[in-house]
Amino acid sequence: MPKNSKEKALAEVRRAQSSFERTQSRLGQDSEARRTSFERARKAGATLREIGEAAGLHWSSVAEALRKR
């Protein structure tokens, strides 16, 4: 029996939410890995400007990422 439009829409909502949650989880992991790499570079003596240049970011974006926990 074919699904009606409401059932199809709700199935789409479930798929979209599931995809969103997977993406959010991955984003959190990637953000942590990026911040950790920034911290390592700082400990190795790199300036915020140097890290920003390597990452293609403004130095203030690097500083902001380092402040977040």
C-alpha atoms as a PDB file:
ATOM      1  CA  MET A   1       0.000   0.000   0.000  1.00  0.00           C
ATOM      2  CA  PRO A   2       1.538   3.368  -0.994  1.00  0.00           C
ATOM      3  CA  LYS A   3       2.229   5.847   1.758  1.00  0.00           C
ATOM      4  CA  ASN A   4       0.085   8.929   1.906  1.00  0.00           C
ATOM      5  CA  SER A   5       1.689  12.368   1.681  1.00  0.00           C
ATOM      6  CA  LYS A   6       1.674  12.894   5.455  1.00  0.00           C
ATOM      7  CA  GLU A   7       3.521   9.613   6.099  1.00  0.00           C
ATOM      8  CA  LYS A   8       6.037  10.447   3.352  1.00  0.00           C
ATOM      9  CA  ALA A   9       6.619  13.909   4.816  1.00  0.00           C
ATOM     10  CA  LEU A  10       7.139  12.517   8.318  1.00  0.00           C
ATOM     11  CA  ALA A  11       9.576   9.899   6.988  1.00  0.00           C
ATOM     12  CA  GLU A  12      11.460  12.728   5.280  1.00  0.00           C
ATOM     13  CA  VAL A  13      11.565  14.645   8.579  1.00  0.00           C
ATOM     14  CA  ARG A  14      13.063  11.610  10.348  1.00  0.00           C
ATOM     15  CA  ARG A  15      15.713  11.169   7.636  1.00  0.00           C
ATOM     16  CA  ALA A  16      16.611  14.865   7.682  1.00  0.00           C
ATOM     17  CA  GLN A  17      16.870  14.923  11.480  1.00  0.00           C
ATOM     18  CA  SER A  18      19.053  11.841  11.502  1.00  0.00           C
ATOM     19  CA  SER A  19      21.341  13.365   8.871  1.00  0.00           C
ATOM     20  CA  PHE A  20      21.475  16.635  10.820  1.00  0.00           C
ATOM     21  CA  GLU A  21      22.470  14.837  14.029  1.00  0.00           C
ATOM     22  CA  ARG A  22      25.253  12.912  12.250  1.00  0.00           C
ATOM     23  CA  THR A  23      26.539  16.147  10.723  1.00  0.00           C
ATOM     24  CA  GLN A  24      26.454  17.977  14.069  1.00  0.00           C
ATOM     25  CA  SER A  25      28.399  15.169  15.730  1.00  0.00           C
ATOM     26  CA  ARG A  26      31.028  15.227  12.989  1.00  0.00           C
ATOM     27  CA  LEU A  27      31.236  19.021  13.137  1.00  0.00           C
ATOM     28  CA  GLY A  28      31.925  18.888  16.862  1.00  0.00           C
ATOM     29  CA  GLN A  29      34.707  16.356  16.336  1.00  0.00           C
ATOM     30  CA  ASP A  30      36.243  18.406  13.516  1.00  0.00           C
ATOM     31  CA  SER A  31      36.065  21.616  15.552  1.00  0.00           C
ATOM     32  CA  GLU A  32      37.858  19.945  18.447  1.00  0.00           C
ATOM     33  CA  ALA A  33      40.554  18.566  16.127  1.00  0.00           C
ATOM     34  CA  ARG A  34      41.069  22.024  14.608  1.00  0.00           C
ATOM     35  CA  ARG A  35      41.328  23.702  18.019  1.00  0.00           C
ATOM     36  CA  THR A  36      43.774  21.033  19.194  1.00  0.00           C
ATOM     37  CA  SER A  37      45.961  21.635  16.140  1.00  0.00           C
ATOM     38  CA  PHE A  38      45.891  25.380  16.843  1.00  0.00           C
ATOM     39  CA  GLU A  39      46.973  24.696  20.441  1.00  0.00           C
ATOM     40  CA  ARG A  40      49.834  22.472  19.270  1.00  0.00           C
ATOM     41  CA  ALA A  41      51.007  25.154  16.862  1.00  0.00           C
ATOM     42  CA  ARG A  42      50.915  27.766  19.642  1.00  0.00           C
ATOM     43  CA  LYS A  43      52.927  25.505  21.959  1.00  0.00           C
ATOM     44  CA  ALA A  44      55.438  25.005  19.135  1.00  0.00           C
ATOM     45  CA  GLY A  45      55.907  28.769  18.983  1.00  0.00           C
ATOM     46  CA  ALA A  46      53.644  29.786  16.107  1.00  0.00           C
ATOM     47  CA  THR A  47      51.919  33.153  16.337  1.00  0.00           C
ATOM     48  CA  LEU A  48      48.191  33.598  15.853  1.00  0.00           C
ATOM     49  CA  ARG A  49      48.949  35.291  12.538  1.00  0.00           C
ATOM     50  CA  GLU A  50      51.074  32.353  11.373  1.00  0.00           C
ATOM     51  CA  ILE A  51      48.397  29.846  12.350  1.00  0.00           C
ATOM     52  CA  GLY A  52      45.757  31.968  10.631  1.00  0.00           C
ATOM     53  CA  GLU A  53      47.852  32.161   7.493  1.00  0.00           C
ATOM     54  CA  ALA A  54      48.312  28.372   7.475  1.00  0.00           C
ATOM     55  CA  ALA A  55      44.577  27.820   7.988  1.00  0.00           C
ATOM     56  CA  GLY A  56      43.408  30.563   5.635  1.00  0.00           C
ATOM     57  CA  LEU A  57      41.834  32.473   8.523  1.00  0.00           C
ATOM     58  CA  HIS A  58      42.207  35.883  10.091  1.00  0.00           C
ATOM     59  CA  TRP A  59      44.285  35.719  13.269  1.00  0.00           C
ATOM     60  CA  SER A  60      41.297  36.878  15.326  1.00  0.00           C
ATOM     61  CA  SER A  61      39.335  33.802  14.177  1.00  0.00           C
ATOM     62  CA  VAL A  62      42.182  31.635  15.420  1.00  0.00           C
ATOM     63  CA  ALA A  63      42.127  33.432  18.777  1.00  0.00           C
ATOM     64  CA  GLU A  64      38.369  32.918  19.026  1.00  0.00           C
ATOM     65  CA  ALA A  65      38.674  29.215  18.269  1.00  0.00           C
ATOM     66  CA  LEU A  66      41.338  28.877  20.963  1.00  0.00           C
ATOM     67  CA  ARG A  67      39.095  30.574  23.541  1.00  0.00           C
ATOM     68  CA  LYS A  68      36.207  28.150  22.956  1.00  0.00           C
ATOM     69  CA  ARG A  69      35.971  25.008  25.045  1.00  0.00           C
END
